[in-house]
PDB file of N, CA and C in Angstrom:
ATOM      1  N   MET A   1      31.857  88.880  59.800  1.00  0.00           N
ATOM      2  CA  MET A   1      32.450  87.733  60.459  1.00  0.00           C
ATOM      3  C   MET A   1      33.734  87.281  59.777  1.00  0.00           C
ATOM      4  N   LYS A   2      33.907  87.642  58.554  1.00  0.00           N
ATOM      5  CA  LYS A   2      35.121  87.234  57.872  1.00  0.00           C
ATOM      6  C   LYS A   2      36.353  87.851  58.523  1.00  0.00           C
ATOM      7  N   ARG A   3      36.269  89.114  58.886  1.00  0.00           N
ATOM      8  CA  ARG A   3      37.417  89.766  59.511  1.00  0.00           C
ATOM      9  C   ARG A   3      37.778  89.088  60.830  1.00  0.00           C
ATOM     10  N   ARG A   4      36.785  88.724  61.571  1.00  0.00           N
ATOM     11  CA  ARG A   4      37.035  88.073  62.845  1.00  0.00           C
ATOM     12  C   ARG A   4      37.745  86.730  62.623  1.00  0.00           C
ATOM     13  N   ASP A   5      37.342  85.987  61.610  1.00  0.00           N
ATOM     14  CA  ASP A   5      37.984  84.712  61.306  1.00  0.00           C
ATOM     15  C   ASP A   5      39.426  84.916  60.856  1.00  0.00           C
ATOM     16  N   GLN A   6      39.668  85.948  60.060  1.00  0.00           N
ATOM     17  CA  GLN A   6      41.024  86.211  59.592  1.00  0.00           C
ATOM     18  C   GLN A   6      41.935  86.583  60.753  1.00  0.00           C
ATOM     19  N   ARG A   7      41.425  87.364  61.686  1.00  0.00           N
ATOM     20  CA  ARG A   7      42.239  87.734  62.854  1.00  0.00           C
ATOM     21  C   ARG A   7      42.609  86.499  63.665  1.00  0.00           C
ATOM     22  N   ARG A   8      41.655  85.616  63.836  1.00  0.00           N
ATOM     23  CA  ARG A   8      41.941  84.398  64.597  1.00  0.00           C
ATOM     24  C   ARG A   8      42.967  83.536  63.881  1.00  0.00           C
ATOM     25  N   ARG A   9      42.861  83.446  62.570  1.00  0.00           N
ATOM     26  CA  ARG A   9      43.825  82.655  61.815  1.00  0.00           C
ATOM     27  C   ARG A   9      45.222  83.246  61.935  1.00  0.00           C
ATOM     28  N   ARG A  10      45.329  84.554  61.795  1.00  0.00           N
ATOM     29  CA  ARG A  10      46.633  85.201  61.895  1.00  0.00           C
ATOM     30  C   ARG A  10      47.244  84.980  63.274  1.00  0.00           C
ATOM     31  N   ALA A  11      46.434  85.103  64.293  1.00  0.00           N
ATOM     32  CA  ALA A  11      46.931  84.915  65.652  1.00  0.00           C
ATOM     33  C   ALA A  11      47.414  83.481  65.846  1.00  0.00           C
ATOM     34  N   ARG A  12      46.695  82.525  65.329  1.00  0.00           N
ATOM     35  CA  ARG A  12      47.094  81.128  65.464  1.00  0.00           C
ATOM     36  C   ARG A  12      48.365  80.846  64.670  1.00  0.00           C
ATOM     37  N   GLN A  13      48.474  81.401  63.480  1.00  0.00           N
ATOM     38  CA  GLN A  13      49.647  81.150  62.651  1.00  0.00           C
ATOM     39  C   GLN A  13      50.908  81.752  63.273  1.00  0.00           C
ATOM     40  N   SER A  14      50.798  82.944  63.820  1.00  0.00           N
ATOM     41  CA  SER A  14      51.979  83.560  64.403  1.00  0.00           C
ATOM     42  C   SER A  14      52.420  82.826  65.670  1.00  0.00           C
ATOM     43  N   PHE A  15      51.475  82.224  66.396  1.00  0.00           N
ATOM     44  CA  PHE A  15      51.827  81.511  67.613  1.00  0.00           C
ATOM     45  C   PHE A  15      52.516  80.189  67.286  1.00  0.00           C
ATOM     46  N   HIS A  16      52.012  79.487  66.276  1.00  0.00           N
ATOM     47  CA  HIS A  16      52.590  78.195  65.890  1.00  0.00           C
ATOM     48  C   HIS A  16      53.526  78.415  64.717  1.00  0.00           C
ATOM     49  N   GLY A  17      54.743  78.773  64.995  1.00  0.00           N
ATOM     50  CA  GLY A  17      55.702  79.028  63.941  1.00  0.00           C
ATOM     51  C   GLY A  17      56.651  77.863  63.713  1.00  0.00           C
ATOM     52  N   GLY A  18      56.490  76.794  64.417  1.00  0.00           N
ATOM     53  CA  GLY A  18      57.395  75.666  64.293  1.00  0.00           C
ATOM     54  C   GLY A  18      58.461  75.704  65.369  1.00  0.00           C
ATOM     55  N   PRO A  19      59.123  74.600  65.571  1.00  0.00           N
ATOM     56  CA  PRO A  19      60.119  74.533  66.647  1.00  0.00           C
ATOM     57  C   PRO A  19      61.337  75.422  66.409  1.00  0.00           C
ATOM     58  N   LEU A  20      61.757  75.581  65.163  1.00  0.00           N
ATOM     59  CA  LEU A  20      62.911  76.438  64.889  1.00  0.00           C
ATOM     60  C   LEU A  20      62.591  77.891  65.200  1.00  0.00           C
ATOM     61  N   ARG A  21      61.448  78.343  64.784  1.00  0.00           N
ATOM     62  CA  ARG A  21      61.052  79.736  65.038  1.00  0.00           C
ATOM     63  C   ARG A  21      60.895  79.991  66.537  1.00  0.00           C
ATOM     64  N   GLN A  22      60.320  79.045  67.242  1.00  0.00           N
ATOM     65  CA  GLN A  22      60.159  79.208  68.684  1.00  0.00           C
ATOM     66  C   GLN A  22      61.514  79.225  69.387  1.00  0.00           C
ATOM     67  N   ALA A  23      62.459  78.394  68.923  1.00  0.00           N
ATOM     68  CA  ALA A  23      63.789  78.375  69.528  1.00  0.00           C
ATOM     69  C   ALA A  23      64.520  79.686  69.278  1.00  0.00           C
ATOM     70  N   LEU A  24      64.360  80.254  68.078  1.00  0.00           N
ATOM     71  CA  LEU A  24      65.016  81.520  67.775  1.00  0.00           C
ATOM     72  C   LEU A  24      64.374  82.692  68.514  1.00  0.00           C
ATOM     73  N   ASN A  25      63.114  82.582  68.862  1.00  0.00           N
ATOM     74  CA  ASN A  25      62.435  83.643  69.600  1.00  0.00           C
ATOM     75  C   ASN A  25      62.621  83.533  71.111  1.00  0.00           C
ATOM     76  N   LEU A  26      63.187  82.447  71.564  1.00  0.00           N
ATOM     77  CA  LEU A  26      63.328  82.225  73.005  1.00  0.00           C
ATOM     78  C   LEU A  26      64.143  83.311  73.712  1.00  0.00           C
ATOM     79  N   PRO A  27      65.304  83.749  73.188  1.00  0.00           N
ATOM     80  CA  PRO A  27      66.043  84.813  73.894  1.00  0.00           C
ATOM     81  C   PRO A  27      65.243  86.110  74.011  1.00  0.00           C
ATOM     82  N   ALA A  28      64.459  86.451  72.993  1.00  0.00           N
ATOM     83  CA  ALA A  28      63.663  87.675  73.055  1.00  0.00           C
ATOM     84  C   ALA A  28      62.549  87.544  74.087  1.00  0.00           C
ATOM     85  N   ARG A  29      61.954  86.377  74.160  1.00  0.00           N
ATOM     86  CA  ARG A  29      60.874  86.184  75.131  1.00  0.00           C
ATOM     87  C   ARG A  29      61.399  86.160  76.559  1.00  0.00           C
ATOM     88  N   LEU A  30      62.628  85.693  76.736  1.00  0.00           N
ATOM     89  CA  LEU A  30      63.206  85.650  78.081  1.00  0.00           C
ATOM     90  C   LEU A  30      63.872  86.963  78.464  1.00  0.00           C
ATOM     91  N   GLY A  31      64.047  87.846  77.493  1.00  0.00           N
ATOM     92  CA  GLY A  31      64.653  89.142  77.779  1.00  0.00           C
ATOM     93  C   GLY A  31      66.161  89.101  77.869  1.00  0.00           C
ATOM     94  N   VAL A  32      66.782  88.145  77.225  1.00  0.00           N
ATOM     95  CA  VAL A  32      68.241  88.030  77.261  1.00  0.00           C
ATOM     96  C   VAL A  32      68.832  88.179  75.862  1.00  0.00           C
ATOM     97  N   ARG A  33      68.191  88.958  75.033  1.00  0.00           N
ATOM     98  CA  ARG A  33      68.613  89.097  73.639  1.00  0.00           C
ATOM     99  C   ARG A  33      70.046  89.634  73.542  1.00  0.00           C
ATOM    100  N   TRP A  34      70.360  90.702  74.278  1.00  0.00           N
ATOM    101  CA  TRP A  34      71.688  91.308  74.183  1.00  0.00           C
ATOM    102  C   TRP A  34      72.761  90.406  74.756  1.00  0.00           C
ATOM    103  N   LEU A  35      72.432  89.634  75.747  1.00  0.00           N
ATOM    104  CA  LEU A  35      73.388  88.670  76.299  1.00  0.00           C
ATOM    105  C   LEU A  35      73.733  87.614  75.250  1.00  0.00           C
ATOM    106  N   VAL A  36      72.737  87.116  74.551  1.00  0.00           N
ATOM    107  CA  VAL A  36      72.976  86.104  73.511  1.00  0.00           C
ATOM    108  C   VAL A  36      73.813  86.694  72.378  1.00  0.00           C
ATOM    109  N   ILE A  37      73.492  87.908  71.958  1.00  0.00           N
ATOM    110  CA  ILE A  37      74.243  88.560  70.889  1.00  0.00           C
ATOM    111  C   ILE A  37      75.699  88.756  71.322  1.00  0.00           C
ATOM    112  N   SER A  38      75.907  89.188  72.552  1.00  0.00           N
ATOM    113  CA  SER A  38      77.265  89.414  73.049  1.00  0.00           C
ATOM    114  C   SER A  38      78.061  88.114  73.100  1.00  0.00           C
ATOM    115  N   VAL A  39      77.430  87.046  73.522  1.00  0.00           N
ATOM    116  CA  VAL A  39      78.114  85.752  73.597  1.00  0.00           C
ATOM    117  C   VAL A  39      78.498  85.267  72.197  1.00  0.00           C
ATOM    118  N   ILE A  40      77.603  85.413  71.240  1.00  0.00           N
ATOM    119  CA  ILE A  40      77.888  84.981  69.872  1.00  0.00           C
ATOM    120  C   ILE A  40      79.016  85.812  69.270  1.00  0.00           C
ATOM    121  N   VAL A  41      79.015  87.117  69.498  1.00  0.00           N
ATOM    122  CA  VAL A  41      80.091  87.981  68.986  1.00  0.00           C
ATOM    123  C   VAL A  41      81.420  87.614  69.642  1.00  0.00           C
ATOM    124  N   ALA A  42      81.418  87.348  70.933  1.00  0.00           N
ATOM    125  CA  ALA A  42      82.654  86.975  71.630  1.00  0.00           C
ATOM    126  C   ALA A  42      83.202  85.648  71.089  1.00  0.00           C
ATOM    127  N   ILE A  43      82.338  84.696  70.829  1.00  0.00           N
ATOM    128  CA  ILE A  43      82.778  83.412  70.270  1.00  0.00           C
ATOM    129  C   ILE A  43      83.365  83.614  68.879  1.00  0.00           C
ATOM    130  N   ALA A  44      82.714  84.434  68.060  1.00  0.00           N
ATOM    131  CA  ALA A  44      83.215  84.699  66.705  1.00  0.00           C
ATOM    132  C   ALA A  44      84.587  85.377  66.759  1.00  0.00           C
ATOM    133  N   MET A  45      84.759  86.331  67.663  1.00  0.00           N
ATOM    134  CA  MET A  45      86.048  87.020  67.787  1.00  0.00           C
ATOM    135  C   MET A  45      87.135  86.059  68.275  1.00  0.00           C
ATOM    136  N   ALA A  46      86.799  85.187  69.196  1.00  0.00           N
ATOM    137  CA  ALA A  46      87.783  84.226  69.702  1.00  0.00           C
ATOM    138  C   ALA A  46      88.202  83.250  68.600  1.00  0.00           C
ATOM    139  N   LEU A  47      87.255  82.779  67.813  1.00  0.00           N
ATOM    140  CA  LEU A  47      87.597  81.877  66.712  1.00  0.00           C
ATOM    141  C   LEU A  47      88.454  82.570  65.668  1.00  0.00           C
ATOM    142  N   TYR A  48      88.143  83.825  65.377  1.00  0.00           N
ATOM    143  CA  TYR A  48      88.941  84.586  64.414  1.00  0.00           C
ATOM    144  C   TYR A  48      90.363  84.783  64.930  1.00  0.00           C
ATOM    145  N   ALA A  49      90.495  85.119  66.195  1.00  0.00           N
ATOM    146  CA  ALA A  49      91.825  85.296  66.788  1.00  0.00           C
ATOM    147  C   ALA A  49      92.604  83.985  66.765  1.00  0.00           C
ATOM    148  N   TYR A  50      91.940  82.886  67.051  1.00  0.00           N
ATOM    149  CA  TYR A  50      92.593  81.575  67.024  1.00  0.00           C
ATOM    150  C   TYR A  50      93.112  81.259  65.627  1.00  0.00           C
ATOM    151  N   VAL A  51      92.298  81.537  64.615  1.00  0.00           N
ATOM    152  CA  VAL A  51      92.715  81.278  63.235  1.00  0.00           C
ATOM    153  C   VAL A  51      93.895  82.170  62.858  1.00  0.00           C
ATOM    154  N   MET A  52      93.847  83.438  63.262  1.00  0.00           N
ATOM    155  CA  MET A  52      94.940  84.353  62.925  1.00  0.00           C
ATOM    156  C   MET A  52      96.242  83.980  63.628  1.00  0.00           C
ATOM    157  N   ILE A  53      96.160  83.513  64.863  1.00  0.00           N
ATOM    158  CA  ILE A  53      97.360  83.163  65.623  1.00  0.00           C
ATOM    159  C   ILE A  53      97.968  81.869  65.099  1.00  0.00           C
ATOM    160  N   THR A  54      97.157  80.894  64.757  1.00  0.00           N
ATOM    161  CA  THR A  54      97.673  79.588  64.367  1.00  0.00           C
ATOM    162  C   THR A  54      97.917  79.468  62.866  1.00  0.00           C
ATOM    163  N   ALA A  55      97.577  80.459  62.075  1.00  0.00           N
ATOM    164  CA  ALA A  55      97.775  80.374  60.635  1.00  0.00           C
ATOM    165  C   ALA A  55      99.259  80.454  60.307  1.00  0.00           C
ATOM    166  N   SER A  56      99.646  79.729  59.268  1.00  0.00           N
ATOM    167  CA  SER A  56     101.039  79.802  58.850  1.00  0.00           C
ATOM    168  C   SER A  56     101.270  81.138  58.137  1.00  0.00           C
ATOM    169  N   PRO A  57     102.490  81.657  58.202  1.00  0.00           N
ATOM    170  CA  PRO A  57     102.741  82.942  57.554  1.00  0.00           C
ATOM    171  C   PRO A  57     102.645  82.823  56.039  1.00  0.00           C
ATOM    172  N   MET A  58     102.283  83.921  55.413  1.00  0.00           N
ATOM    173  CA  MET A  58     102.195  83.918  53.957  1.00  0.00           C
ATOM    174  C   MET A  58     103.594  83.803  53.370  1.00  0.00           C
ATOM    175  N   PRO A  59     103.762  83.010  52.343  1.00  0.00           N
ATOM    176  CA  PRO A  59     105.082  82.933  51.732  1.00  0.00           C
ATOM    177  C   PRO A  59     105.380  84.240  50.996  1.00  0.00           C
ATOM    178  N   PRO A  60     106.624  84.675  51.050  1.00  0.00           N
ATOM    179  CA  PRO A  60     106.932  85.921  50.360  1.00  0.00           C
ATOM    180  C   PRO A  60     106.841  85.728  48.853  1.00  0.00           C
ATOM    181  N   GLY A  61     106.511  86.813  48.183  1.00  0.00           N
ATOM    182  CA  GLY A  61     106.473  86.770  46.729  1.00  0.00           C
ATOM    183  C   GLY A  61     107.896  86.729  46.214  1.00  0.00           C
ATOM    184  N   ARG A  62     108.265  87.676  45.420  1.00  0.00           N
ATOM    185  CA  ARG A  62     109.664  87.789  45.001  1.00  0.00           C
ATOM    186  C   ARG A  62     110.309  88.859  45.859  1.00  0.00           C
ATOM    187  N   ALA A  63     111.410  88.528  46.457  1.00  0.00           N
ATOM    188  CA  ALA A  63     112.115  89.514  47.272  1.00  0.00           C
ATOM    189  C   ALA A  63     112.661  90.605  46.350  1.00  0.00           C
ATOM    190  N   PRO A  64     112.525  91.862  46.734  1.00  0.00           N
ATOM    191  CA  PRO A  64     113.024  92.931  45.857  1.00  0.00           C
ATOM    192  C   PRO A  64     114.541  92.888  45.757  1.00  0.00           C
ATOM    193  N   ALA A  65     115.025  93.046  44.557  1.00  0.00           N
ATOM    194  CA  ALA A  65     116.463  93.059  44.330  1.00  0.00           C
ATOM    195  C   ALA A  65     116.977  94.475  44.484  1.00  0.00           C
ATOM    196  N   GLY A  66     117.982  94.672  45.274  1.00  0.00           N
ATOM    197  CA  GLY A  66     118.545  96.006  45.448  1.00  0.00           C
ATOM    198  C   GLY A  66     117.884  96.748  46.589  1.00  0.00           C
ATOM    199  N   THR A  67     117.591  98.033  46.359  1.00  0.00           N
ATOM    200  CA  THR A  67     117.029  98.881  47.410  1.00  0.00           C
ATOM    201  C   THR A  67     115.511  98.821  47.418  1.00  0.00           C
ATOM    202  N   SER A  68     114.955  99.286  48.501  1.00  0.00           N
ATOM    203  CA  SER A  68     113.498  99.316  48.609  1.00  0.00           C
ATOM    204  C   SER A  68     112.953 100.493  47.804  1.00  0.00           C
ATOM    205  N   PRO A  69     111.702 100.424  47.346  1.00  0.00           N
ATOM    206  CA  PRO A  69     111.139 101.523  46.554  1.00  0.00           C
ATOM    207  C   PRO A  69     111.033 102.830  47.330  1.00  0.00           C
ATOM    208  N   ALA A  70     110.927 102.779  48.640  1.00  0.00           N
ATOM    209  CA  ALA A  70     110.799 104.001  49.430  1.00  0.00           C
ATOM    210  C   ALA A  70     112.115 104.772  49.476  1.00  0.00           C
ATOM    211  N   ALA A  71     113.242 104.059  49.354  1.00  0.00           N
ATOM    212  CA  ALA A  71     114.542 104.706  49.443  1.00  0.00           C
ATOM    213  C   ALA A  71     114.963 105.353  48.122  1.00  0.00           C
ATOM    214  N   SER A  72     114.361 104.899  47.016  1.00  0.00           N
ATOM    215  CA  SER A  72     114.753 105.466  45.715  1.00  0.00           C
ATOM    216  C   SER A  72     114.092 106.810  45.491  1.00  0.00           C
ATOM    217  N   PRO A  73     114.768 107.741  44.744  1.00  0.00           N
ATOM    218  CA  PRO A  73     114.225 109.089  44.559  1.00  0.00           C
ATOM    219  C   PRO A  73     113.040 109.145  43.648  1.00  0.00           C
TER     220      PRO A  73
END
């Protein structure tokens, strides 16, 4: 009977994982996991592009005096 009790406990514990766990499992239970992943990736890419477009340019270090290193022998 101990095994039967342990199985019931495990089943109950996995079902009641708390509201955060249930919210995170919702896309998988609804079958829209890839849609959610795609939306999150698209949002991340859009935010990254926004930061790159609106960022100020890097200030130059020291401008090379004379010719460029590629032109010298």
